[in-house]
Amino acid sequence: MSSHHTQTRMPASSLKQVFKACDEDNKGYLSREDFKVAVVMLFGYKPTKIEADSVMSSVNPNTSGLSLEEFLSIVRKKKEVQLHQSEIRHIFTAFDRHYRGYLTLDDFKKAFKQVAPKLSERTVLEVFREVDQDSDDFVSFKDFEYAMKCGQNEA
């Protein structure tokens, strides 16, 4: 058992420190905004509205926010399935068959037809709209990368 995995497997004490740092008022839970700050601290990016909504809707509805246990569970899952930048870029490039640097709905339809042929066109359209964060009818690499990182929580 080597100690080379310390980067990917963060000790609970470090995660607890992040939780405490983000729970400034010592409420015992993280609000939606607190959670966003924690994600920036741990993963280096600001979570999308979709990701924050997804996480906050998954917690106990009788509480005001994310408990330490829920936070630890969510972050560990996120760490375990986190794709490397190069893998995400590789997938994006495979979808971007015309090398334009963005994906159109047509690119999505063609890609999904190959990887998930039974998926309805309506579902593909919904996925495209969700991934297209700024609703410009194009999915940039940044949009795609966020979706790939955020979507892993729901797997």
N, C-alpha and C. Protein backbone atom coordinates (compact mmCIF):
# COMPACT_ATOMS: atom_id res chain seq x y z
N MET A 1 0.84 -1.19 0.00
CA MET A 1 0.00 0.00 0.00
C MET A 1 0.87 1.24 0.00
N SER A 2 0.97 1.85 -1.12
CA SER A 2 1.82 3.02 -1.24
C SER A 2 1.07 4.27 -0.81
N SER A 3 1.81 5.30 -0.56
CA SER A 3 1.19 6.55 -0.14
C SER A 3 0.98 7.49 -1.33
N HIS A 4 1.08 6.94 -2.55
CA HIS A 4 0.91 7.76 -3.75
C HIS A 4 -0.54 8.17 -3.98
N HIS A 5 -1.48 7.54 -3.29
CA HIS A 5 -2.89 7.83 -3.52
C HIS A 5 -3.42 8.95 -2.63
N THR A 6 -2.55 9.64 -1.92
CA THR A 6 -3.02 10.70 -1.03
C THR A 6 -3.70 11.83 -1.79
N GLN A 7 -3.32 12.04 -3.04
CA GLN A 7 -3.95 13.10 -3.83
C GLN A 7 -5.40 12.76 -4.16
N THR A 8 -5.65 11.50 -4.54
CA THR A 8 -7.00 11.14 -4.94
C THR A 8 -7.85 10.73 -3.74
N ARG A 9 -7.23 10.17 -2.72
CA ARG A 9 -7.99 9.75 -1.56
C ARG A 9 -7.71 10.70 -0.41
N MET A 10 -8.54 11.68 -0.26
CA MET A 10 -8.35 12.71 0.74
C MET A 10 -8.78 12.19 2.11
N PRO A 11 -7.94 12.34 3.12
CA PRO A 11 -8.33 11.86 4.45
C PRO A 11 -9.54 12.62 5.00
N ALA A 12 -10.32 11.91 5.80
CA ALA A 12 -11.54 12.50 6.36
C ALA A 12 -11.22 13.77 7.15
N SER A 13 -10.06 13.80 7.81
CA SER A 13 -9.72 14.99 8.61
C SER A 13 -9.63 16.23 7.73
N SER A 14 -9.06 16.10 6.52
CA SER A 14 -8.97 17.24 5.60
C SER A 14 -10.35 17.68 5.15
N LEU A 15 -11.21 16.70 4.86
CA LEU A 15 -12.57 17.02 4.43
C LEU A 15 -13.35 17.69 5.56
N LYS A 16 -13.13 17.22 6.77
CA LYS A 16 -13.80 17.83 7.93
C LYS A 16 -13.33 19.27 8.12
N GLN A 17 -12.05 19.51 7.86
CA GLN A 17 -11.53 20.87 7.97
C GLN A 17 -12.19 21.79 6.94
N VAL A 18 -12.37 21.28 5.73
CA VAL A 18 -13.05 22.06 4.69
C VAL A 18 -14.49 22.33 5.11
N PHE A 19 -15.16 21.29 5.64
CA PHE A 19 -16.55 21.45 6.10
C PHE A 19 -16.62 22.54 7.16
N LYS A 20 -15.72 22.46 8.15
CA LYS A 20 -15.73 23.46 9.24
C LYS A 20 -15.43 24.86 8.71
N ALA A 21 -14.49 24.95 7.78
CA ALA A 21 -14.13 26.26 7.22
C ALA A 21 -15.31 26.87 6.47
N CYS A 22 -16.09 26.02 5.81
CA CYS A 22 -17.23 26.52 5.02
C CYS A 22 -18.47 26.76 5.88
N ASP A 23 -18.53 26.12 7.03
CA ASP A 23 -19.64 26.31 7.98
C ASP A 23 -19.23 27.39 8.97
N GLU A 24 -19.11 28.62 8.45
CA GLU A 24 -18.57 29.73 9.23
C GLU A 24 -19.33 30.01 10.52
N ASP A 25 -20.64 29.82 10.50
CA ASP A 25 -21.45 30.13 11.68
C ASP A 25 -21.61 28.93 12.62
N ASN A 26 -20.86 27.86 12.36
CA ASN A 26 -20.96 26.64 13.18
C ASN A 26 -22.39 26.15 13.32
N LYS A 27 -23.11 26.11 12.19
CA LYS A 27 -24.50 25.66 12.19
C LYS A 27 -24.58 24.14 12.26
N GLY A 28 -23.50 23.47 11.85
CA GLY A 28 -23.51 22.01 11.81
C GLY A 28 -23.95 21.48 10.46
N TYR A 29 -24.16 22.38 9.51
CA TYR A 29 -24.53 21.96 8.16
C TYR A 29 -24.03 23.01 7.17
N LEU A 30 -23.98 22.62 5.90
CA LEU A 30 -23.59 23.56 4.85
C LEU A 30 -24.82 23.98 4.06
N SER A 31 -24.97 25.27 3.89
CA SER A 31 -26.04 25.79 3.02
C SER A 31 -25.60 25.57 1.58
N ARG A 32 -26.46 25.90 0.67
CA ARG A 32 -26.15 25.80 -0.76
C ARG A 32 -24.89 26.60 -1.10
N GLU A 33 -24.80 27.84 -0.60
CA GLU A 33 -23.64 28.68 -0.88
C GLU A 33 -22.38 28.11 -0.22
N ASP A 34 -22.52 27.59 1.01
CA ASP A 34 -21.38 26.97 1.70
C ASP A 34 -20.85 25.80 0.87
N PHE A 35 -21.78 24.99 0.36
CA PHE A 35 -21.40 23.83 -0.44
C PHE A 35 -20.61 24.26 -1.68
N LYS A 36 -21.06 25.33 -2.34
CA LYS A 36 -20.37 25.82 -3.53
C LYS A 36 -18.93 26.21 -3.19
N VAL A 37 -18.75 26.88 -2.06
CA VAL A 37 -17.40 27.28 -1.63
C VAL A 37 -16.55 26.03 -1.38
N ALA A 38 -17.14 25.02 -0.75
CA ALA A 38 -16.41 23.78 -0.47
C ALA A 38 -15.96 23.11 -1.77
N VAL A 39 -16.82 23.10 -2.77
CA VAL A 39 -16.45 22.49 -4.06
C VAL A 39 -15.29 23.25 -4.69
N VAL A 40 -15.33 24.58 -4.62
CA VAL A 40 -14.22 25.38 -5.15
C VAL A 40 -12.92 25.01 -4.42
N MET A 41 -12.99 24.90 -3.10
CA MET A 41 -11.81 24.57 -2.30
C MET A 41 -11.26 23.18 -2.65
N LEU A 42 -12.15 22.21 -2.82
CA LEU A 42 -11.72 20.83 -3.02
C LEU A 42 -11.42 20.47 -4.47
N PHE A 43 -12.20 21.02 -5.39
CA PHE A 43 -12.09 20.59 -6.78
C PHE A 43 -11.62 21.68 -7.74
N GLY A 44 -11.56 22.92 -7.25
CA GLY A 44 -11.02 23.99 -8.08
C GLY A 44 -11.96 24.57 -9.12
N TYR A 45 -13.26 24.32 -8.97
CA TYR A 45 -14.22 24.94 -9.89
C TYR A 45 -15.50 25.25 -9.14
N LYS A 46 -16.24 26.22 -9.65
CA LYS A 46 -17.52 26.58 -9.04
C LYS A 46 -18.60 25.66 -9.60
N PRO A 47 -19.34 24.98 -8.74
CA PRO A 47 -20.37 24.07 -9.25
C PRO A 47 -21.48 24.82 -9.98
N THR A 48 -22.04 24.16 -10.97
CA THR A 48 -23.14 24.75 -11.72
C THR A 48 -24.39 24.75 -10.86
N LYS A 49 -25.38 25.50 -11.29
CA LYS A 49 -26.68 25.52 -10.61
C LYS A 49 -27.25 24.10 -10.58
N ILE A 50 -27.10 23.39 -11.69
CA ILE A 50 -27.62 22.02 -11.79
C ILE A 50 -26.97 21.12 -10.73
N GLU A 51 -25.64 21.22 -10.59
CA GLU A 51 -24.95 20.38 -9.61
C GLU A 51 -25.39 20.75 -8.20
N ALA A 52 -25.42 22.04 -7.89
CA ALA A 52 -25.82 22.48 -6.55
C ALA A 52 -27.26 22.04 -6.25
N ASP A 53 -28.16 22.21 -7.22
CA ASP A 53 -29.55 21.77 -7.04
C ASP A 53 -29.63 20.28 -6.79
N SER A 54 -28.87 19.53 -7.57
CA SER A 54 -28.87 18.07 -7.46
C SER A 54 -28.41 17.64 -6.07
N VAL A 55 -27.33 18.23 -5.59
CA VAL A 55 -26.81 17.86 -4.27
C VAL A 55 -27.78 18.28 -3.17
N MET A 56 -28.27 19.51 -3.24
CA MET A 56 -29.14 20.01 -2.18
C MET A 56 -30.48 19.27 -2.15
N SER A 57 -30.94 18.81 -3.31
CA SER A 57 -32.22 18.08 -3.33
C SER A 57 -32.04 16.64 -2.86
N SER A 58 -30.79 16.17 -2.81
CA SER A 58 -30.55 14.79 -2.39
C SER A 58 -30.43 14.66 -0.87
N VAL A 59 -30.34 15.79 -0.16
CA VAL A 59 -30.19 15.73 1.29
C VAL A 59 -31.55 15.62 1.97
N ASN A 60 -31.51 15.27 3.23
CA ASN A 60 -32.73 15.12 4.03
C ASN A 60 -33.55 16.41 3.97
N PRO A 61 -34.79 16.34 3.49
CA PRO A 61 -35.60 17.57 3.35
C PRO A 61 -35.97 18.21 4.69
N ASN A 62 -35.78 17.47 5.79
CA ASN A 62 -36.11 18.02 7.12
C ASN A 62 -34.97 18.83 7.71
N THR A 63 -33.85 18.91 7.00
CA THR A 63 -32.72 19.68 7.52
C THR A 63 -32.53 20.94 6.69
N SER A 64 -31.74 21.85 7.22
CA SER A 64 -31.53 23.13 6.55
C SER A 64 -30.39 23.08 5.54
N GLY A 65 -29.65 21.99 5.54
CA GLY A 65 -28.51 21.92 4.63
C GLY A 65 -27.84 20.56 4.67
N LEU A 66 -26.60 20.55 4.26
CA LEU A 66 -25.81 19.34 4.10
C LEU A 66 -25.08 19.03 5.41
N SER A 67 -25.37 17.88 6.02
CA SER A 67 -24.68 17.50 7.26
C SER A 67 -23.25 17.07 6.92
N LEU A 68 -22.42 16.94 7.93
CA LEU A 68 -21.04 16.51 7.73
C LEU A 68 -21.01 15.14 7.05
N GLU A 69 -21.85 14.21 7.53
CA GLU A 69 -21.87 12.85 6.97
C GLU A 69 -22.27 12.88 5.50
N GLU A 70 -23.30 13.67 5.18
CA GLU A 70 -23.74 13.78 3.78
C GLU A 70 -22.63 14.40 2.92
N PHE A 71 -21.99 15.43 3.46
CA PHE A 71 -20.90 16.10 2.75
C PHE A 71 -19.77 15.12 2.46
N LEU A 72 -19.36 14.36 3.48
CA LEU A 72 -18.27 13.39 3.31
C LEU A 72 -18.63 12.36 2.25
N SER A 73 -19.85 11.86 2.29
CA SER A 73 -20.31 10.86 1.33
C SER A 73 -20.29 11.42 -0.09
N ILE A 74 -20.82 12.60 -0.27
CA ILE A 74 -20.89 13.23 -1.60
C ILE A 74 -19.49 13.48 -2.15
N VAL A 75 -18.61 14.03 -1.32
CA VAL A 75 -17.26 14.36 -1.78
C VAL A 75 -16.48 13.09 -2.10
N ARG A 76 -16.62 12.06 -1.29
CA ARG A 76 -15.91 10.81 -1.57
C ARG A 76 -16.36 10.20 -2.90
N LYS A 77 -17.68 10.20 -3.13
CA LYS A 77 -18.19 9.67 -4.41
C LYS A 77 -17.63 10.48 -5.56
N LYS A 78 -17.62 11.79 -5.38
CA LYS A 78 -17.13 12.69 -6.43
C LYS A 78 -15.65 12.41 -6.72
N LYS A 79 -14.87 12.20 -5.68
CA LYS A 79 -13.44 11.92 -5.83
C LYS A 79 -13.23 10.57 -6.52
N GLU A 80 -14.01 9.57 -6.12
CA GLU A 80 -13.84 8.22 -6.66
C GLU A 80 -14.08 8.16 -8.15
N VAL A 81 -15.05 8.91 -8.64
CA VAL A 81 -15.42 8.81 -10.05
C VAL A 81 -14.94 9.98 -10.89
N GLN A 82 -14.12 10.82 -10.31
CA GLN A 82 -13.67 12.01 -11.03
C GLN A 82 -12.84 11.60 -12.25
N LEU A 83 -13.25 12.08 -13.40
CA LEU A 83 -12.50 11.80 -14.62
C LEU A 83 -11.33 12.76 -14.74
N HIS A 84 -10.28 12.29 -15.34
CA HIS A 84 -9.14 13.16 -15.59
C HIS A 84 -9.44 14.07 -16.77
N GLN A 85 -8.86 15.22 -16.76
CA GLN A 85 -9.05 16.22 -17.81
C GLN A 85 -8.83 15.62 -19.20
N SER A 86 -7.78 14.83 -19.35
CA SER A 86 -7.47 14.29 -20.68
C SER A 86 -8.55 13.32 -21.16
N GLU A 87 -9.15 12.56 -20.23
CA GLU A 87 -10.22 11.64 -20.61
C GLU A 87 -11.44 12.41 -21.09
N ILE A 88 -11.77 13.48 -20.38
CA ILE A 88 -12.92 14.31 -20.77
C ILE A 88 -12.66 14.94 -22.13
N ARG A 89 -11.45 15.45 -22.33
CA ARG A 89 -11.07 16.06 -23.61
C ARG A 89 -11.18 15.02 -24.73
N HIS A 90 -10.74 13.80 -24.46
CA HIS A 90 -10.79 12.72 -25.46
C HIS A 90 -12.24 12.44 -25.87
N ILE A 91 -13.13 12.36 -24.90
CA ILE A 91 -14.55 12.10 -25.19
C ILE A 91 -15.14 13.26 -25.99
N PHE A 92 -14.83 14.49 -25.57
CA PHE A 92 -15.33 15.68 -26.27
C PHE A 92 -14.87 15.66 -27.73
N THR A 93 -13.60 15.35 -27.94
CA THR A 93 -13.04 15.32 -29.29
C THR A 93 -13.72 14.25 -30.14
N ALA A 94 -14.05 13.12 -29.53
CA ALA A 94 -14.76 12.06 -30.26
C ALA A 94 -16.15 12.53 -30.69
N PHE A 95 -16.81 13.33 -29.84
CA PHE A 95 -18.13 13.88 -30.18
C PHE A 95 -18.01 14.98 -31.24
N ASP A 96 -16.92 15.75 -31.17
CA ASP A 96 -16.71 16.90 -32.07
C ASP A 96 -16.04 16.42 -33.36
N ARG A 97 -16.81 15.75 -34.20
CA ARG A 97 -16.25 15.10 -35.38
C ARG A 97 -15.78 16.10 -36.44
N HIS A 98 -16.22 17.34 -36.36
CA HIS A 98 -15.81 18.35 -37.34
C HIS A 98 -14.71 19.27 -36.79
N TYR A 99 -14.21 18.97 -35.60
CA TYR A 99 -13.11 19.73 -34.97
C TYR A 99 -13.38 21.23 -34.91
N ARG A 100 -14.58 21.57 -34.46
CA ARG A 100 -14.95 22.99 -34.37
C ARG A 100 -14.70 23.57 -32.99
N GLY A 101 -14.50 22.71 -32.00
CA GLY A 101 -14.29 23.20 -30.64
C GLY A 101 -15.59 23.36 -29.86
N TYR A 102 -16.70 22.95 -30.45
CA TYR A 102 -17.99 22.97 -29.77
C TYR A 102 -18.85 21.85 -30.36
N LEU A 103 -19.91 21.52 -29.66
CA LEU A 103 -20.82 20.47 -30.10
C LEU A 103 -22.19 21.07 -30.40
N THR A 104 -22.80 20.60 -31.47
CA THR A 104 -24.16 21.01 -31.81
C THR A 104 -25.13 19.90 -31.38
N LEU A 105 -26.40 20.17 -31.47
CA LEU A 105 -27.40 19.15 -31.18
C LEU A 105 -27.22 17.97 -32.12
N ASP A 106 -26.88 18.25 -33.37
CA ASP A 106 -26.66 17.19 -34.35
C ASP A 106 -25.49 16.29 -33.93
N ASP A 107 -24.40 16.90 -33.43
CA ASP A 107 -23.27 16.11 -32.92
C ASP A 107 -23.73 15.19 -31.80
N PHE A 108 -24.54 15.74 -30.90
CA PHE A 108 -25.07 14.95 -29.78
C PHE A 108 -25.90 13.78 -30.28
N LYS A 109 -26.79 14.06 -31.24
CA LYS A 109 -27.66 13.01 -31.77
C LYS A 109 -26.84 11.88 -32.38
N LYS A 110 -25.82 12.24 -33.17
CA LYS A 110 -24.97 11.23 -33.81
C LYS A 110 -24.20 10.42 -32.78
N ALA A 111 -23.65 11.10 -31.78
CA ALA A 111 -22.88 10.41 -30.74
C ALA A 111 -23.77 9.47 -29.93
N PHE A 112 -24.93 9.97 -29.53
CA PHE A 112 -25.84 9.14 -28.73
C PHE A 112 -26.40 7.98 -29.54
N LYS A 113 -26.56 8.18 -30.84
CA LYS A 113 -27.06 7.10 -31.70
C LYS A 113 -26.08 5.93 -31.68
N GLN A 114 -24.78 6.24 -31.56
CA GLN A 114 -23.76 5.20 -31.51
C GLN A 114 -23.65 4.56 -30.13
N VAL A 115 -23.66 5.38 -29.08
CA VAL A 115 -23.42 4.84 -27.74
C VAL A 115 -24.69 4.41 -27.02
N ALA A 116 -25.83 4.98 -27.38
CA ALA A 116 -27.10 4.63 -26.73
C ALA A 116 -28.23 4.72 -27.76
N PRO A 117 -28.26 3.79 -28.71
CA PRO A 117 -29.22 3.89 -29.82
C PRO A 117 -30.69 3.86 -29.41
N LYS A 118 -31.01 3.31 -28.25
CA LYS A 118 -32.40 3.22 -27.83
C LYS A 118 -32.90 4.48 -27.12
N LEU A 119 -31.99 5.42 -26.87
CA LEU A 119 -32.37 6.67 -26.21
C LEU A 119 -33.24 7.50 -27.14
N SER A 120 -34.35 8.00 -26.62
CA SER A 120 -35.26 8.79 -27.46
C SER A 120 -34.63 10.12 -27.84
N GLU A 121 -35.07 10.66 -28.96
CA GLU A 121 -34.56 11.95 -29.42
C GLU A 121 -34.89 13.04 -28.40
N ARG A 122 -36.04 12.91 -27.76
CA ARG A 122 -36.44 13.88 -26.74
C ARG A 122 -35.45 13.88 -25.56
N THR A 123 -35.03 12.69 -25.13
CA THR A 123 -34.07 12.58 -24.03
C THR A 123 -32.74 13.20 -24.43
N VAL A 124 -32.30 12.92 -25.66
CA VAL A 124 -31.04 13.50 -26.14
C VAL A 124 -31.14 15.02 -26.15
N LEU A 125 -32.28 15.55 -26.58
CA LEU A 125 -32.50 17.00 -26.58
C LEU A 125 -32.45 17.56 -25.16
N GLU A 126 -33.07 16.86 -24.20
CA GLU A 126 -33.05 17.31 -22.80
C GLU A 126 -31.63 17.33 -22.26
N VAL A 127 -30.86 16.29 -22.57
CA VAL A 127 -29.47 16.23 -22.12
C VAL A 127 -28.69 17.39 -22.74
N PHE A 128 -28.88 17.61 -24.03
CA PHE A 128 -28.18 18.70 -24.72
C PHE A 128 -28.49 20.04 -24.05
N ARG A 129 -29.78 20.28 -23.79
CA ARG A 129 -30.18 21.56 -23.17
C ARG A 129 -29.59 21.72 -21.78
N GLU A 130 -29.51 20.61 -21.04
CA GLU A 130 -28.95 20.68 -19.69
C GLU A 130 -27.45 20.97 -19.74
N VAL A 131 -26.76 20.36 -20.69
CA VAL A 131 -25.31 20.54 -20.81
C VAL A 131 -24.97 21.93 -21.37
N ASP A 132 -25.83 22.46 -22.24
CA ASP A 132 -25.63 23.78 -22.85
C ASP A 132 -26.00 24.86 -21.82
N GLN A 133 -25.05 25.14 -20.93
CA GLN A 133 -25.32 26.01 -19.78
C GLN A 133 -25.79 27.41 -20.14
N ASP A 134 -25.25 27.98 -21.20
CA ASP A 134 -25.62 29.36 -21.53
C ASP A 134 -26.69 29.42 -22.63
N SER A 135 -27.28 28.29 -22.95
CA SER A 135 -28.41 28.21 -23.91
C SER A 135 -28.12 28.90 -25.24
N ASP A 136 -26.89 28.71 -25.75
CA ASP A 136 -26.54 29.32 -27.05
C ASP A 136 -26.61 28.31 -28.19
N ASP A 137 -27.16 27.13 -27.92
CA ASP A 137 -27.28 26.04 -28.89
C ASP A 137 -25.95 25.42 -29.29
N PHE A 138 -24.92 25.68 -28.50
CA PHE A 138 -23.62 25.06 -28.68
C PHE A 138 -23.14 24.58 -27.32
N VAL A 139 -22.48 23.43 -27.30
CA VAL A 139 -21.88 22.94 -26.06
C VAL A 139 -20.38 23.14 -26.20
N SER A 140 -19.84 24.06 -25.43
CA SER A 140 -18.40 24.30 -25.44
C SER A 140 -17.72 23.20 -24.62
N PHE A 141 -16.40 23.15 -24.71
CA PHE A 141 -15.68 22.16 -23.91
C PHE A 141 -15.94 22.42 -22.43
N LYS A 142 -15.99 23.69 -22.04
CA LYS A 142 -16.24 24.04 -20.64
C LYS A 142 -17.61 23.51 -20.19
N ASP A 143 -18.64 23.71 -21.01
CA ASP A 143 -19.98 23.17 -20.70
C ASP A 143 -19.90 21.66 -20.53
N PHE A 144 -19.23 21.02 -21.48
CA PHE A 144 -19.13 19.56 -21.51
C PHE A 144 -18.37 19.04 -20.29
N GLU A 145 -17.27 19.72 -19.98
CA GLU A 145 -16.44 19.32 -18.84
C GLU A 145 -17.24 19.40 -17.54
N TYR A 146 -17.96 20.51 -17.33
CA TYR A 146 -18.79 20.64 -16.13
C TYR A 146 -19.82 19.52 -16.06
N ALA A 147 -20.46 19.24 -17.18
CA ALA A 147 -21.48 18.19 -17.20
C ALA A 147 -20.87 16.83 -16.86
N MET A 148 -19.70 16.56 -17.40
CA MET A 148 -19.05 15.27 -17.14
C MET A 148 -18.67 15.15 -15.67
N LYS A 149 -18.15 16.22 -15.10
CA LYS A 149 -17.75 16.17 -13.69
C LYS A 149 -18.96 16.14 -12.77
N CYS A 150 -19.97 16.93 -13.08
CA CYS A 150 -21.15 17.01 -12.22
C CYS A 150 -22.03 15.79 -12.36
N GLY A 151 -22.17 15.31 -13.56
CA GLY A 151 -23.04 14.18 -13.82
C GLY A 151 -22.59 12.91 -13.14
N GLN A 152 -21.33 12.85 -12.78
CA GLN A 152 -20.82 11.64 -12.13
C GLN A 152 -21.44 11.44 -10.76
N ASN A 153 -21.88 12.51 -10.13
CA ASN A 153 -22.52 12.39 -8.82
C ASN A 153 -23.80 11.60 -8.90
N GLU A 154 -24.43 11.63 -10.06
CA GLU A 154 -25.74 11.01 -10.21
C GLU A 154 -25.63 9.58 -10.69
N ALA A 155 -24.42 9.12 -10.95
CA ALA A 155 -24.23 7.76 -11.49
C ALA A 155 -24.51 6.72 -10.43
